[in-house]
Structures are given as structure tokens and as C-alpha cells.
C-alpha atoms as a PDB file:
ATOM      1  CA  ASP A   1     228.664 140.185  90.898  1.00  0.00           C
ATOM      2  CA  LEU A   2     225.000 139.316  90.628  1.00  0.00           C
ATOM      3  CA  ASN A   3     223.041 140.554  87.647  1.00  0.00           C
ATOM      4  CA  GLU A   4     220.424 142.864  89.176  1.00  0.00           C
ATOM      5  CA  ALA A   5     218.660 143.340  85.818  1.00  0.00           C
ATOM      6  CA  SER A   6     218.297 139.651  84.970  1.00  0.00           C
ATOM      7  CA  SER A   7     214.993 138.684  83.380  1.00  0.00           C
ATOM      8  CA  ARG A   8     215.398 134.952  84.005  1.00  0.00           C
ATOM      9  CA  SER A   9     212.689 133.101  85.850  1.00  0.00           C
ATOM     10  CA  HIS A  10     212.021 129.584  87.017  1.00  0.00           C
ATOM     11  CA  ALA A  11     208.768 127.655  87.241  1.00  0.00           C
ATOM     12  CA  VAL A  12     207.677 124.655  89.289  1.00  0.00           C
ATOM     13  CA  LEU A  13     204.412 122.840  88.607  1.00  0.00           C
ATOM     14  CA  CYS A  14     203.105 120.165  90.977  1.00  0.00           C
ATOM     15  CA  ILE A  15     200.400 117.786  89.758  1.00  0.00           C
ATOM     16  CA  THR A  16     198.713 115.710  92.454  1.00  0.00           C
ATOM     17  CA  LEU A  17     196.712 112.620  91.546  1.00  0.00           C
ATOM     18  CA  ILE A  18     194.512 110.901  94.107  1.00  0.00           C
ATOM     19  CA  THR A  19     193.030 107.545  93.178  1.00  0.00           C
ATOM     20  CA  ILE A  20     190.394 105.732  95.155  1.00  0.00           C
ATOM     21  CA  ASP A  21     189.982 102.019  94.558  1.00  0.00           C
ATOM     22  CA  GLU A  22     186.609 100.626  95.594  1.00  0.00           C
ATOM     23  CA  PHE A  23     188.359  97.680  97.317  1.00  0.00           C
ATOM     24  CA  GLU A  24     191.008  99.711  99.173  1.00  0.00           C
ATOM     25  CA  GLU A  25     190.317 101.652 102.347  1.00  0.00           C
ATOM     26  CA  GLU A  26     193.024 104.253 101.831  1.00  0.00           C
ATOM     27  CA  PRO A  27     193.315 106.475  98.747  1.00  0.00           C
ATOM     28  CA  THR A  28     196.614 106.457  96.845  1.00  0.00           C
ATOM     29  CA  MET A  29     198.254 109.832  96.321  1.00  0.00           C
ATOM     30  CA  SER A  30     200.923 110.564  93.698  1.00  0.00           C
ATOM     31  CA  HIS A  31     202.820 113.764  92.977  1.00  0.00           C
ATOM     32  CA  MET A  32     204.567 114.773  89.765  1.00  0.00           C
ATOM     33  CA  TYR A  33     206.814 117.837  89.739  1.00  0.00           C
ATOM     34  CA  ILE A  34     207.770 119.600  86.520  1.00  0.00           C
ATOM     35  CA  CYS A  35     210.543 122.181  86.891  1.00  0.00           C
ATOM     36  CA  ASP A  36     211.746 124.752  84.369  1.00  0.00           C
ATOM     37  CA  LEU A  37     215.096 126.027  85.610  1.00  0.00           C
ATOM     38  CA  ALA A  38     216.631 126.932  82.250  1.00  0.00           C
ATOM     39  CA  GLY A  39     215.908 130.650  82.124  1.00  0.00           C
ATOM     40  CA  ASN A  40     216.099 132.620  78.902  1.00  0.00           C
ATOM     41  CA  GLU A  41     218.915 134.586  77.329  1.00  0.00           C
ATOM     42  CA  PRO A  42     218.894 136.298  73.941  1.00  0.00           C
ATOM     43  CA  SER A  43     220.727 134.220  71.335  1.00  0.00           C
ATOM     44  CA  THR A  44     223.054 136.910  70.018  1.00  0.00           C
ATOM     45  CA  GLY A  45     226.057 134.600  69.689  1.00  0.00           C
ATOM     46  CA  THR A  46     227.431 133.338  66.425  1.00  0.00           C
ATOM     47  CA  GLY A  47     229.574 130.417  65.335  1.00  0.00           C
ATOM     48  CA  LYS A  48     230.928 128.326  68.192  1.00  0.00           C
ATOM     49  CA  GLN A  49     228.917 130.146  70.877  1.00  0.00           C
ATOM     50  CA  LEU A  50     225.637 129.655  68.968  1.00  0.00           C
ATOM     51  CA  ALA A  51     226.421 125.957  68.415  1.00  0.00           C
ATOM     52  CA  GLU A  52     227.111 125.529  72.147  1.00  0.00           C
ATOM     53  CA  THR A  53     223.810 127.239  73.013  1.00  0.00           C
ATOM     54  CA  CYS A  54     221.933 124.932  70.631  1.00  0.00           C
ATOM     55  CA  ASN A  55     223.629 121.861  72.144  1.00  0.00           C
ATOM     56  CA  ILE A  56     222.700 122.940  75.671  1.00  0.00           C
ATOM     57  CA  ASN A  57     219.073 123.535  74.696  1.00  0.00           C
ATOM     58  CA  THR A  58     218.905 120.169  72.933  1.00  0.00           C
ATOM     59  CA  SER A  59     220.347 118.367  75.968  1.00  0.00           C
ATOM     60  CA  LEU A  60     217.701 119.933  78.220  1.00  0.00           C
ATOM     61  CA  MET A  61     214.964 118.369  76.099  1.00  0.00           C
ATOM     62  CA  THR A  62     216.299 114.794  76.232  1.00  0.00           C
END
């Protein structure tokens, strides 16, 4: 079953950089996408469950 009351959200940020070199005829365009797909859950767990949650969060940052 799907959780109809879920408060999780995702975010996608796109940064576009356009550079124009005075010697080039065509501009160069670059895109960088930053995605937050982790969501958020209250950390009510203890012991092994809390340690697992901490490990998951740490792995998302590396």
C-alpha cells in the first residue's frame, strides 16, 4: 500500500552556465543537476535501527 499521508518530497535544481569565448563563434553551454531524493522521516528508532539510519545518511553525503 502507498502511504497517502507521506510528507516526503524531492527537489531537482538545474544550473546552466553559458560561456562565450571572444575567439569562438559558438557559446559553450553546460548543465549541472543537483537532486535531493532522500526524503525525510522522523528518527524515532533506537539502537540498531538508529545506527542504520545514521549510516544511510552518511553514505548519501559521500
